């Protein structure tokens, strides 16, 4: 859980600051997602991913509300094109965990779902996702989240 918390904080801090310098901006990155269930939201915004020596993290940050973030992470390197199960359990190399941070401590963790990577390169990754998650402010709330993303690589912390 400590790794997930560190990854969330690192990516939430990194994503908004990307592209602020004088370097040429890469092709834009984006995502769209719908959240239904005990909480409802239609999200869109920027997408980015980070590769560290021990983890791979995709962060999708809402343009309308910086407190709303969807994140996928796993121990290990970047994934190739393919489908990956989303669940929550002991950290193990290659297993993805999906999270939805709805703001005001409304945090949800995937219980079941799929992350599909349709295209992957050293500097871009794109695909879709659908997952069920539990948590919220009560710990017993449930949501379903579906969406698509096209993310660019960000500098690792």
N, C-alpha and C. Protein backbone atom coordinates (compact mmCIF):
# COMPACT_ATOMS: atom_id res chain seq x y z
N UNK A 1 0.83 -1.18 0.00
CA UNK A 1 0.00 0.00 0.00
C UNK A 1 0.87 1.25 0.00
N UNK A 2 2.05 1.15 0.65
CA UNK A 2 2.95 2.29 0.69
C UNK A 2 3.39 2.68 -0.72
N UNK A 3 3.67 1.68 -1.57
CA UNK A 3 4.05 1.94 -2.95
C UNK A 3 2.94 2.66 -3.70
N UNK A 4 1.70 2.22 -3.50
CA UNK A 4 0.57 2.85 -4.19
C UNK A 4 0.42 4.31 -3.75
N UNK A 5 0.55 4.56 -2.47
CA UNK A 5 0.44 5.93 -1.96
C UNK A 5 1.53 6.81 -2.53
N UNK A 6 2.77 6.31 -2.56
CA UNK A 6 3.88 7.08 -3.11
C UNK A 6 3.67 7.35 -4.60
N UNK A 7 3.18 6.34 -5.33
CA UNK A 7 2.95 6.51 -6.76
C UNK A 7 1.87 7.56 -7.02
N UNK A 8 0.80 7.53 -6.23
CA UNK A 8 -0.28 8.51 -6.39
C UNK A 8 0.26 9.91 -6.18
N UNK A 9 0.97 10.11 -5.07
CA UNK A 9 1.49 11.45 -4.77
C UNK A 9 2.47 11.92 -5.82
N UNK A 10 3.36 11.05 -6.27
CA UNK A 10 4.36 11.43 -7.27
C UNK A 10 3.69 11.85 -8.57
N UNK A 11 2.72 11.08 -9.03
CA UNK A 11 2.10 11.38 -10.32
C UNK A 11 1.17 12.58 -10.27
N UNK A 12 0.47 12.77 -9.16
CA UNK A 12 -0.40 13.93 -9.04
C UNK A 12 0.44 15.20 -9.05
N UNK A 13 1.63 15.15 -8.46
CA UNK A 13 2.51 16.31 -8.45
C UNK A 13 3.17 16.50 -9.82
N UNK A 14 3.58 15.41 -10.46
CA UNK A 14 4.31 15.51 -11.73
C UNK A 14 3.44 15.92 -12.91
N UNK A 15 2.26 15.33 -13.04
CA UNK A 15 1.45 15.54 -14.23
C UNK A 15 1.10 17.00 -14.50
N UNK A 16 0.65 17.78 -13.51
CA UNK A 16 0.29 19.16 -13.81
C UNK A 16 1.48 20.02 -14.24
N UNK A 17 2.70 19.68 -13.85
CA UNK A 17 3.86 20.50 -14.15
C UNK A 17 4.52 20.18 -15.47
N UNK A 18 4.09 19.15 -16.16
CA UNK A 18 4.75 18.76 -17.39
C UNK A 18 4.51 19.78 -18.50
N UNK A 19 5.51 19.98 -19.32
CA UNK A 19 5.38 20.87 -20.45
C UNK A 19 5.42 22.34 -20.08
N UNK A 20 5.94 22.71 -18.91
CA UNK A 20 5.95 24.09 -18.48
C UNK A 20 7.19 24.84 -18.96
N UNK A 21 8.20 24.11 -19.43
CA UNK A 21 9.46 24.74 -19.83
C UNK A 21 9.40 25.26 -21.25
N UNK A 22 10.58 25.51 -21.83
CA UNK A 22 10.66 26.05 -23.17
C UNK A 22 10.84 24.96 -24.22
N UNK A 23 10.95 23.69 -23.77
CA UNK A 23 11.12 22.61 -24.73
C UNK A 23 9.85 22.44 -25.56
N UNK A 24 9.99 21.87 -26.77
CA UNK A 24 8.79 21.65 -27.59
C UNK A 24 7.84 20.69 -26.88
N UNK A 25 6.56 20.97 -26.94
CA UNK A 25 5.59 20.11 -26.30
C UNK A 25 5.31 18.91 -27.20
N UNK A 26 5.27 17.69 -26.61
CA UNK A 26 4.92 16.53 -27.41
C UNK A 26 3.43 16.57 -27.77
N UNK A 27 3.05 15.70 -28.70
CA UNK A 27 1.64 15.58 -29.07
C UNK A 27 0.82 15.47 -27.79
N UNK A 28 -0.33 16.12 -27.75
CA UNK A 28 -1.13 16.15 -26.53
C UNK A 28 -1.54 14.74 -26.11
N UNK A 29 -1.80 14.61 -24.83
CA UNK A 29 -2.27 13.35 -24.28
C UNK A 29 -3.62 13.61 -23.64
N UNK A 30 -4.48 12.60 -23.59
CA UNK A 30 -5.82 12.84 -23.07
C UNK A 30 -6.47 11.55 -22.60
N UNK A 31 -7.60 11.71 -21.93
CA UNK A 31 -8.42 10.57 -21.54
C UNK A 31 -9.85 11.02 -21.37
N UNK A 32 -10.76 10.07 -21.45
CA UNK A 32 -12.16 10.28 -21.09
C UNK A 32 -12.59 9.06 -20.28
N UNK A 33 -13.49 9.28 -19.33
CA UNK A 33 -13.98 8.18 -18.49
C UNK A 33 -15.33 8.53 -17.90
N UNK A 34 -16.12 7.50 -17.66
CA UNK A 34 -17.40 7.66 -16.97
C UNK A 34 -17.38 6.82 -15.71
N UNK A 35 -17.80 7.45 -14.61
CA UNK A 35 -17.90 6.79 -13.31
C UNK A 35 -19.38 6.68 -12.98
N UNK A 36 -19.87 5.48 -12.67
CA UNK A 36 -21.27 5.28 -12.30
C UNK A 36 -21.34 4.42 -11.04
N UNK A 37 -22.42 4.54 -10.33
CA UNK A 37 -22.61 3.77 -9.10
C UNK A 37 -22.90 4.72 -7.96
N UNK A 38 -22.28 4.47 -6.80
CA UNK A 38 -22.51 5.31 -5.63
C UNK A 38 -21.97 6.72 -5.82
N UNK A 39 -21.10 6.90 -6.77
CA UNK A 39 -20.60 8.22 -7.17
C UNK A 39 -20.72 8.29 -8.69
N UNK A 40 -21.01 9.48 -9.22
CA UNK A 40 -21.14 9.64 -10.68
C UNK A 40 -20.27 10.78 -11.14
N UNK A 41 -19.60 10.57 -12.30
CA UNK A 41 -18.78 11.63 -12.88
C UNK A 41 -18.46 11.29 -14.32
N UNK A 42 -18.38 12.31 -15.15
CA UNK A 42 -17.84 12.19 -16.51
C UNK A 42 -16.55 12.98 -16.49
N UNK A 43 -15.45 12.29 -16.75
CA UNK A 43 -14.13 12.89 -16.63
C UNK A 43 -13.42 12.99 -17.97
N UNK A 44 -12.60 14.02 -18.10
CA UNK A 44 -11.69 14.14 -19.24
C UNK A 44 -10.52 15.00 -18.77
N UNK A 45 -9.39 14.83 -19.41
CA UNK A 45 -8.22 15.60 -19.01
C UNK A 45 -6.94 15.06 -19.61
N UNK A 46 -5.85 15.23 -18.88
CA UNK A 46 -4.53 14.83 -19.37
C UNK A 46 -4.15 13.45 -18.86
N UNK A 47 -3.32 12.76 -19.67
CA UNK A 47 -2.86 11.42 -19.33
C UNK A 47 -1.35 11.37 -19.44
N UNK A 48 -0.72 10.68 -18.51
CA UNK A 48 0.72 10.52 -18.55
C UNK A 48 1.13 9.23 -17.88
N UNK A 49 2.34 8.76 -18.19
CA UNK A 49 2.84 7.58 -17.50
C UNK A 49 4.29 7.77 -17.10
N UNK A 50 4.67 7.03 -16.06
CA UNK A 50 6.01 7.09 -15.50
C UNK A 50 6.54 5.67 -15.38
N UNK A 51 7.80 5.50 -15.73
CA UNK A 51 8.48 4.22 -15.53
C UNK A 51 9.65 4.49 -14.58
N UNK A 52 9.67 3.78 -13.45
CA UNK A 52 10.78 3.87 -12.52
C UNK A 52 11.50 2.51 -12.54
N UNK A 53 12.60 2.38 -11.84
CA UNK A 53 13.27 1.08 -11.82
C UNK A 53 12.40 -0.04 -11.24
N UNK A 54 11.39 0.28 -10.44
CA UNK A 54 10.58 -0.76 -9.82
C UNK A 54 9.09 -0.73 -10.16
N UNK A 55 8.61 0.32 -10.82
CA UNK A 55 7.17 0.43 -11.04
C UNK A 55 6.82 1.12 -12.35
N UNK A 56 5.59 0.86 -12.81
CA UNK A 56 5.01 1.51 -13.98
C UNK A 56 3.67 2.10 -13.53
N UNK A 57 3.42 3.39 -13.84
CA UNK A 57 2.21 4.08 -13.38
C UNK A 57 1.62 4.91 -14.51
N UNK A 58 0.32 4.74 -14.77
CA UNK A 58 -0.44 5.61 -15.68
C UNK A 58 -1.33 6.48 -14.81
N UNK A 59 -1.28 7.79 -15.02
CA UNK A 59 -2.12 8.71 -14.26
C UNK A 59 -2.99 9.51 -15.22
N UNK A 60 -4.29 9.55 -14.92
CA UNK A 60 -5.27 10.28 -15.71
C UNK A 60 -5.86 11.36 -14.81
N UNK A 61 -5.52 12.62 -15.06
CA UNK A 61 -5.92 13.72 -14.19
C UNK A 61 -7.03 14.55 -14.84
N UNK A 62 -8.13 14.70 -14.13
CA UNK A 62 -9.28 15.47 -14.61
C UNK A 62 -8.91 16.93 -14.82
N UNK A 63 -9.32 17.48 -15.94
CA UNK A 63 -9.08 18.90 -16.22
C UNK A 63 -10.02 19.78 -15.40
N UNK A 64 -11.21 19.29 -15.10
CA UNK A 64 -12.21 20.08 -14.39
C UNK A 64 -12.00 20.09 -12.87
N UNK A 65 -11.43 19.01 -12.34
CA UNK A 65 -11.25 18.91 -10.90
C UNK A 65 -9.96 18.15 -10.62
N UNK A 66 -8.92 18.86 -10.21
CA UNK A 66 -7.60 18.26 -9.99
C UNK A 66 -7.61 17.17 -8.91
N UNK A 67 -8.66 17.11 -8.10
CA UNK A 67 -8.76 16.07 -7.08
C UNK A 67 -9.30 14.76 -7.62
N UNK A 68 -9.78 14.76 -8.87
CA UNK A 68 -10.29 13.53 -9.48
C UNK A 68 -9.21 12.94 -10.38
N UNK A 69 -8.72 11.76 -9.98
CA UNK A 69 -7.63 11.10 -10.69
C UNK A 69 -7.94 9.62 -10.81
N UNK A 70 -7.64 9.06 -11.97
CA UNK A 70 -7.67 7.61 -12.17
C UNK A 70 -6.23 7.19 -12.36
N UNK A 71 -5.87 6.07 -11.74
CA UNK A 71 -4.48 5.63 -11.84
C UNK A 71 -4.40 4.12 -11.94
N UNK A 72 -3.45 3.67 -12.76
CA UNK A 72 -3.16 2.25 -12.90
C UNK A 72 -1.68 2.07 -12.61
N UNK A 73 -1.34 1.12 -11.73
CA UNK A 73 0.07 0.91 -11.44
C UNK A 73 0.36 -0.56 -11.19
N UNK A 74 1.64 -0.88 -11.36
CA UNK A 74 2.10 -2.24 -11.08
C UNK A 74 3.60 -2.21 -10.82
N UNK A 75 4.07 -3.22 -10.15
CA UNK A 75 5.50 -3.41 -10.00
C UNK A 75 6.01 -3.97 -11.32
N UNK A 76 7.15 -3.52 -11.77
CA UNK A 76 7.70 -4.01 -13.03
C UNK A 76 7.67 -2.93 -14.08
N UNK A 77 8.08 -3.29 -15.28
CA UNK A 77 8.23 -2.34 -16.37
C UNK A 77 6.95 -2.07 -17.13
N UNK A 78 7.11 -1.34 -18.24
CA UNK A 78 5.98 -0.95 -19.08
C UNK A 78 5.36 -2.18 -19.74
N UNK A 79 4.05 -2.18 -19.90
CA UNK A 79 3.38 -3.31 -20.53
C UNK A 79 3.46 -3.25 -22.06
N UNK A 80 3.39 -4.39 -22.68
CA UNK A 80 3.24 -4.48 -24.14
C UNK A 80 1.75 -4.41 -24.45
N UNK A 81 1.41 -4.31 -25.73
CA UNK A 81 0.00 -4.34 -26.11
C UNK A 81 -0.61 -5.65 -25.62
N UNK A 82 -1.83 -5.57 -25.09
CA UNK A 82 -2.50 -6.75 -24.56
C UNK A 82 -3.51 -6.36 -23.51
N UNK A 83 -4.14 -7.36 -22.90
CA UNK A 83 -5.14 -7.13 -21.85
C UNK A 83 -4.57 -7.58 -20.50
N UNK A 84 -4.84 -6.78 -19.47
CA UNK A 84 -4.31 -7.03 -18.14
C UNK A 84 -5.43 -6.95 -17.12
N UNK A 85 -5.49 -7.92 -16.22
CA UNK A 85 -6.50 -7.92 -15.16
C UNK A 85 -6.22 -6.80 -14.18
N UNK A 86 -7.31 -6.20 -13.69
CA UNK A 86 -7.23 -5.18 -12.64
C UNK A 86 -7.86 -5.75 -11.38
N UNK A 87 -7.11 -5.78 -10.32
CA UNK A 87 -7.61 -6.29 -9.05
C UNK A 87 -6.84 -5.60 -7.94
N UNK A 88 -7.02 -6.06 -6.72
CA UNK A 88 -6.25 -5.53 -5.61
C UNK A 88 -5.81 -6.72 -4.77
N UNK A 89 -4.58 -6.69 -4.37
CA UNK A 89 -4.05 -7.77 -3.55
C UNK A 89 -2.60 -7.51 -3.25
N UNK A 90 -1.89 -8.54 -2.81
CA UNK A 90 -0.47 -8.37 -2.52
C UNK A 90 0.29 -7.89 -3.76
N UNK A 91 1.23 -6.98 -3.55
CA UNK A 91 2.03 -6.47 -4.66
C UNK A 91 2.82 -7.60 -5.29
N UNK A 92 2.73 -7.72 -6.59
CA UNK A 92 3.49 -8.73 -7.32
C UNK A 92 3.82 -8.16 -8.69
N UNK A 93 4.94 -8.51 -9.22
CA UNK A 93 5.36 -7.99 -10.51
C UNK A 93 4.34 -8.34 -11.59
N UNK A 94 3.96 -7.34 -12.37
CA UNK A 94 3.07 -7.56 -13.51
C UNK A 94 1.59 -7.39 -13.22
N UNK A 95 1.16 -7.41 -11.96
CA UNK A 95 -0.25 -7.29 -11.63
C UNK A 95 -0.62 -5.81 -11.51
N UNK A 96 -1.66 -5.39 -12.26
CA UNK A 96 -2.11 -4.00 -12.21
C UNK A 96 -3.16 -3.79 -11.12
N UNK A 97 -3.12 -2.61 -10.50
CA UNK A 97 -4.15 -2.16 -9.58
C UNK A 97 -4.71 -0.87 -10.15
N UNK A 98 -6.02 -0.74 -10.21
CA UNK A 98 -6.66 0.49 -10.66
C UNK A 98 -7.19 1.24 -9.45
N UNK A 99 -7.09 2.57 -9.50
CA UNK A 99 -7.61 3.40 -8.41
C UNK A 99 -8.35 4.59 -8.99
N UNK A 100 -9.39 5.00 -8.29
CA UNK A 100 -10.10 6.22 -8.63
C UNK A 100 -10.10 7.08 -7.38
N UNK A 101 -9.51 8.26 -7.48
CA UNK A 101 -9.48 9.20 -6.38
C UNK A 101 -10.53 10.26 -6.70
N UNK A 102 -11.67 10.14 -6.04
CA UNK A 102 -12.79 11.02 -6.34
C UNK A 102 -12.77 12.34 -5.60
N UNK A 103 -11.74 12.57 -4.80
CA UNK A 103 -11.66 13.81 -4.02
C UNK A 103 -12.31 13.63 -2.66
N UNK A 104 -11.99 14.50 -1.74
CA UNK A 104 -12.55 14.49 -0.38
C UNK A 104 -12.48 13.11 0.25
N UNK A 105 -11.38 12.44 0.10
CA UNK A 105 -11.12 11.12 0.65
C UNK A 105 -12.01 10.03 0.08
N UNK A 106 -12.63 10.26 -1.05
CA UNK A 106 -13.45 9.26 -1.72
C UNK A 106 -12.55 8.43 -2.63
N UNK A 107 -11.76 7.55 -2.03
CA UNK A 107 -10.80 6.75 -2.78
C UNK A 107 -11.34 5.34 -3.01
N UNK A 108 -11.23 4.88 -4.25
CA UNK A 108 -11.72 3.57 -4.63
C UNK A 108 -10.57 2.74 -5.19
N UNK A 109 -10.57 1.43 -4.92
CA UNK A 109 -9.54 0.53 -5.42
C UNK A 109 -10.23 -0.58 -6.22
N UNK A 110 -9.63 -0.95 -7.35
CA UNK A 110 -10.23 -1.95 -8.24
C UNK A 110 -10.44 -3.28 -7.53
N UNK A 111 -11.58 -3.89 -7.82
CA UNK A 111 -11.88 -5.23 -7.33
C UNK A 111 -11.93 -6.23 -8.48
N UNK A 112 -12.19 -5.71 -9.69
CA UNK A 112 -12.28 -6.57 -10.86
C UNK A 112 -12.27 -5.67 -12.08
N UNK A 113 -11.68 -6.13 -13.18
CA UNK A 113 -11.71 -5.35 -14.41
C UNK A 113 -10.56 -5.68 -15.33
N UNK A 114 -10.48 -4.89 -16.42
CA UNK A 114 -9.47 -5.12 -17.45
C UNK A 114 -8.91 -3.79 -17.92
N UNK A 115 -7.58 -3.74 -18.04
CA UNK A 115 -6.86 -2.64 -18.69
C UNK A 115 -6.37 -3.20 -20.01
N UNK A 116 -6.79 -2.59 -21.12
CA UNK A 116 -6.37 -3.06 -22.44
C UNK A 116 -5.43 -2.03 -23.05
N UNK A 117 -4.21 -2.45 -23.33
CA UNK A 117 -3.22 -1.60 -23.98
C UNK A 117 -3.28 -1.93 -25.47
N UNK A 118 -3.68 -0.94 -26.28
CA UNK A 118 -3.80 -1.16 -27.73
C UNK A 118 -2.54 -0.77 -28.48
N UNK A 119 -1.77 0.15 -27.91
CA UNK A 119 -0.53 0.61 -28.53
C UNK A 119 0.45 1.03 -27.45
N UNK A 120 1.70 0.57 -27.57
CA UNK A 120 2.71 0.91 -26.57
C UNK A 120 4.05 1.16 -27.25
N UNK A 121 4.67 2.29 -26.91
CA UNK A 121 6.01 2.60 -27.38
C UNK A 121 6.78 3.20 -26.21
N UNK A 122 8.02 3.58 -26.43
CA UNK A 122 8.83 4.14 -25.35
C UNK A 122 8.27 5.45 -24.81
N UNK A 123 7.56 6.23 -25.68
CA UNK A 123 7.08 7.53 -25.22
C UNK A 123 5.57 7.71 -25.24
N UNK A 124 4.79 6.68 -25.66
CA UNK A 124 3.32 6.77 -25.66
C UNK A 124 2.72 5.42 -25.36
N UNK A 125 1.57 5.47 -24.74
CA UNK A 125 0.79 4.26 -24.50
C UNK A 125 -0.68 4.63 -24.60
N UNK A 126 -1.47 3.80 -25.25
CA UNK A 126 -2.90 4.09 -25.38
C UNK A 126 -3.70 2.82 -25.18
N UNK A 127 -4.96 3.02 -24.82
CA UNK A 127 -5.82 1.87 -24.61
C UNK A 127 -7.13 2.24 -23.97
N UNK A 128 -7.75 1.24 -23.33
CA UNK A 128 -9.05 1.44 -22.69
C UNK A 128 -9.07 0.66 -21.38
N UNK A 129 -10.11 0.91 -20.59
CA UNK A 129 -10.23 0.23 -19.30
C UNK A 129 -11.67 0.14 -18.89
N UNK A 130 -11.97 -0.87 -18.12
CA UNK A 130 -13.26 -1.01 -17.47
C UNK A 130 -13.01 -1.75 -16.17
N UNK A 131 -13.47 -1.17 -15.06
CA UNK A 131 -13.26 -1.86 -13.79
C UNK A 131 -14.29 -1.46 -12.75
N UNK A 132 -14.51 -2.40 -11.83
CA UNK A 132 -15.34 -2.16 -10.65
C UNK A 132 -14.39 -1.83 -9.52
N UNK A 133 -14.83 -0.92 -8.64
CA UNK A 133 -13.97 -0.51 -7.52
C UNK A 133 -14.81 -0.31 -6.27
N UNK A 134 -14.17 -0.50 -5.13
CA UNK A 134 -14.85 -0.33 -3.85
C UNK A 134 -14.06 0.65 -2.99
N UNK A 135 -14.76 1.30 -2.06
CA UNK A 135 -14.11 2.24 -1.15
C UNK A 135 -15.01 3.39 -0.83
N UNK A 136 -14.64 4.58 -1.34
CA UNK A 136 -15.42 5.78 -1.05
C UNK A 136 -15.17 6.27 0.36
N UNK A 137 -15.94 7.23 0.80
CA UNK A 137 -15.75 7.79 2.15
C UNK A 137 -16.21 6.82 3.23
N UNK A 138 -17.11 5.89 2.88
CA UNK A 138 -17.61 4.93 3.86
C UNK A 138 -16.81 3.64 3.87
N UNK A 139 -16.06 3.39 2.81
CA UNK A 139 -15.33 2.14 2.68
C UNK A 139 -16.16 1.03 2.06
N UNK A 140 -17.48 1.27 1.93
CA UNK A 140 -18.35 0.23 1.38
C UNK A 140 -19.07 0.67 0.10
N UNK A 141 -18.70 1.81 -0.44
CA UNK A 141 -19.32 2.30 -1.67
C UNK A 141 -18.72 1.57 -2.88
N UNK A 142 -19.46 1.53 -3.98
CA UNK A 142 -19.02 0.84 -5.19
C UNK A 142 -19.24 1.71 -6.42
N UNK A 143 -18.30 1.66 -7.35
CA UNK A 143 -18.42 2.36 -8.62
C UNK A 143 -17.94 1.44 -9.74
N UNK A 144 -18.37 1.75 -10.95
CA UNK A 144 -17.86 1.11 -12.17
C UNK A 144 -17.29 2.23 -13.03
N UNK A 145 -16.14 1.99 -13.64
CA UNK A 145 -15.45 3.03 -14.40
C UNK A 145 -15.05 2.48 -15.76
N UNK A 146 -15.40 3.20 -16.81
CA UNK A 146 -15.05 2.83 -18.19
C UNK A 146 -14.42 4.03 -18.87
N UNK A 147 -13.39 3.79 -19.69
CA UNK A 147 -12.80 4.91 -20.40
C UNK A 147 -11.71 4.51 -21.37
N UNK A 148 -11.13 5.56 -21.97
CA UNK A 148 -10.04 5.42 -22.95
C UNK A 148 -8.96 6.43 -22.61
N UNK A 149 -7.71 6.13 -23.03
CA UNK A 149 -6.61 7.04 -22.77
C UNK A 149 -5.56 6.98 -23.87
N UNK A 150 -4.86 8.07 -24.02
CA UNK A 150 -3.68 8.19 -24.89
C UNK A 150 -2.67 8.99 -24.05
N UNK A 151 -1.68 8.31 -23.49
CA UNK A 151 -0.78 8.93 -22.51
C UNK A 151 0.63 9.09 -23.06
N UNK A 152 1.28 10.18 -22.64
CA UNK A 152 2.68 10.40 -23.00
C UNK A 152 3.56 10.12 -21.80
N UNK A 153 4.81 9.81 -22.07
CA UNK A 153 5.74 9.49 -20.99
C UNK A 153 6.19 10.77 -20.29
N UNK A 154 6.23 10.70 -18.96
CA UNK A 154 6.68 11.81 -18.13
C UNK A 154 8.02 11.43 -17.51
N UNK A 155 8.76 12.41 -17.07
CA UNK A 155 10.04 12.15 -16.39
C UNK A 155 9.77 11.49 -15.05
N UNK A 156 10.54 10.48 -14.72
CA UNK A 156 10.38 9.79 -13.43
C UNK A 156 10.87 10.69 -12.30
N UNK A 157 10.25 10.56 -11.12
CA UNK A 157 10.64 11.39 -9.98
C UNK A 157 12.04 11.04 -9.50
